[in-house]
Protein backbone atom coordinates (compact mmCIF):
# COMPACT_ATOMS: atom_id res chain seq x y z
CA MET A 1 21.58 -66.53 -7.56
CA LYS A 2 21.42 -62.84 -6.65
CA ARG A 3 18.24 -61.22 -5.49
CA ARG A 4 17.13 -58.15 -7.37
CA GLU A 5 16.00 -55.19 -5.38
CA PRO A 6 12.97 -53.38 -6.71
CA LEU A 7 14.01 -50.22 -8.48
CA GLY A 8 12.80 -47.05 -6.77
CA LEU A 9 12.85 -43.45 -7.81
CA ASP A 10 15.40 -41.35 -5.96
CA MET A 11 13.53 -38.21 -4.80
CA THR A 12 16.58 -36.19 -3.75
CA PRO A 13 17.19 -34.51 -7.15
CA VAL A 14 13.47 -33.74 -7.48
CA VAL A 15 13.41 -32.05 -4.07
CA ASP A 16 16.53 -30.07 -4.99
CA ILE A 17 14.99 -28.85 -8.25
CA VAL A 18 11.72 -27.85 -6.54
CA PHE A 19 13.66 -25.98 -3.86
CA ILE A 20 15.74 -24.12 -6.47
CA LEU A 21 12.59 -23.20 -8.42
CA LEU A 22 10.93 -21.94 -5.26
CA ILE A 23 13.89 -19.71 -4.45
CA PHE A 24 14.01 -18.45 -8.05
CA PHE A 25 10.34 -17.42 -8.02
CA LEU A 26 10.61 -15.79 -4.60
CA VAL A 27 13.63 -13.72 -5.64
CA SER A 28 12.31 -12.74 -9.05
CA SER A 29 8.76 -11.83 -8.01
CA VAL A 30 7.74 -8.25 -7.28
CA PHE A 31 5.90 -7.55 -4.09
CA LYS A 32 3.68 -4.52 -3.73
CA LYS A 33 4.98 -2.38 -0.94
CA GLU A 34 1.88 -0.47 -0.03
CA GLU A 35 -1.55 -1.45 -1.13
CA LEU A 36 -4.56 0.70 -0.68
CA ALA A 37 -7.14 -0.61 1.78
CA LEU A 38 -10.25 1.11 0.43
CA MET A 39 -11.77 0.80 -3.02
CA LEU A 40 -11.99 4.43 -4.08
CA GLU A 41 -13.40 6.05 -7.19
CA LEU A 42 -11.03 8.99 -7.60
CA PRO A 43 -12.19 12.17 -9.30
CA LYS A 44 -10.73 13.03 -12.71
CA ALA A 45 -8.44 15.99 -13.30
CA GLY A 46 -6.86 17.28 -16.50
CA ALA A 47 -3.84 19.12 -15.10
CA SER A 48 -2.23 16.46 -12.97
CA LYS A 49 1.44 15.92 -12.29
CA GLU A 50 2.85 12.54 -11.33
CA VAL A 51 4.70 12.58 -8.03
CA LYS A 52 7.47 10.03 -7.59
CA GLU A 53 8.71 9.86 -4.04
CA GLU A 54 9.62 6.62 -2.41
CA LYS A 55 8.83 7.70 1.12
CA THR A 56 5.19 8.67 1.24
CA ILE A 57 2.28 8.28 3.60
CA ASN A 58 -0.98 7.21 1.97
CA ILE A 59 -4.26 8.44 3.45
CA GLU A 60 -7.45 7.07 1.93
CA LEU A 61 -10.84 8.59 2.62
CA SER A 62 -14.20 7.15 1.61
CA LYS A 63 -17.73 7.98 2.76
CA ASP A 64 -17.53 5.82 5.86
CA SER A 65 -13.90 4.65 6.18
CA LEU A 66 -10.43 6.06 6.68
CA ALA A 67 -7.12 4.25 6.13
CA VAL A 68 -3.45 5.14 6.65
CA ASN A 69 -0.91 3.14 4.60
CA GLY A 70 -3.42 0.37 3.94
CA LYS A 71 -4.59 0.04 7.57
CA LYS A 72 -8.13 1.10 8.48
CA VAL A 73 -8.20 3.61 11.33
CA SER A 74 -10.81 5.76 13.01
CA TYR A 75 -10.91 9.55 12.78
CA GLU A 76 -9.47 9.83 16.31
CA GLU A 77 -6.55 7.47 15.55
CA ILE A 78 -5.33 9.14 12.35
CA ILE A 79 -2.82 11.50 13.97
CA ALA A 80 -1.51 8.73 16.25
CA GLU A 81 -0.84 6.66 13.10
CA ILE A 82 0.74 9.46 11.06
CA LEU A 83 2.98 11.26 13.60
CA PRO A 84 5.45 8.35 14.08
CA LEU A 85 5.79 8.10 10.28
CA VAL A 86 6.59 11.80 9.80
CA LYS A 87 10.05 11.87 11.36
CA GLU A 88 11.44 13.30 8.15
CA GLU A 89 9.71 15.41 5.52
CA LYS A 90 7.50 12.80 3.92
CA LEU A 91 4.86 13.57 1.35
CA ILE A 92 1.31 12.70 2.35
CA MET A 93 -0.63 11.24 -0.58
CA PHE A 94 -4.34 11.93 -0.01
CA TYR A 95 -6.73 9.61 -1.91
CA ILE A 96 -10.32 10.86 -1.65
CA ASP A 97 -13.34 9.09 -3.08
CA ARG A 98 -15.33 11.36 -5.36
CA ASP A 99 -18.53 10.83 -3.33
CA VAL A 100 -17.08 11.96 0.02
CA PRO A 101 -18.80 15.00 1.52
CA TYR A 102 -16.69 18.15 1.44
CA SER A 103 -17.00 18.66 5.20
CA ARG A 104 -15.31 15.29 5.84
CA VAL A 105 -12.38 16.25 3.59
CA ILE A 106 -11.99 19.63 5.30
CA GLY A 107 -12.07 17.92 8.71
CA ILE A 108 -9.10 15.72 7.81
CA LEU A 109 -7.19 18.59 6.15
CA ASP A 110 -7.78 20.78 9.21
CA LEU A 111 -6.53 18.02 11.49
CA LEU A 112 -3.35 17.65 9.39
CA LYS A 113 -2.79 21.42 9.35
CA LYS A 114 -3.22 21.60 13.13
CA HIS A 115 -0.22 19.26 13.48
CA SER A 116 1.82 21.16 10.83
CA LEU A 117 1.56 18.36 8.26
CA ASN A 118 1.39 20.60 5.22
CA LYS A 119 3.31 18.62 2.61
CA LEU A 120 0.48 16.77 0.92
CA ALA A 121 -0.76 15.88 -2.54
CA LEU A 122 -4.34 15.21 -3.58
CA VAL A 123 -4.35 12.17 -5.87
CA THR A 124 -6.70 12.12 -8.87
CA LYS A 125 -7.27 9.92 -11.89
CA GLU A 126 -6.17 11.13 -15.32
CA GLU A 127 -8.90 12.00 -17.81
């Protein structure tokens, strides 16, 4: 008389299917390239024009924080962060919270102008 082996579930096809699904979702998902670091309430503007350039530098300014391309920096470090990124003529997208004092905005703009970084756009929210 032959002994019967207990039937077991072969896990190899299940592992293959899970691996294929994982690769499918990784390839088909969309990753955000640059996220903003600060939660800003942008001012509204009626006459705004959408700028579509792939190579941009994002500067975010709030009452107490400053960020370059999603990385928080201090006022002294901003030029050290931006200058390596400006090898070619890149557009600087300037996101300013609506509650930021005007003197703080002028300080950053003056610093950019001092280093001949004049190609910038002030980003607003549509009305």
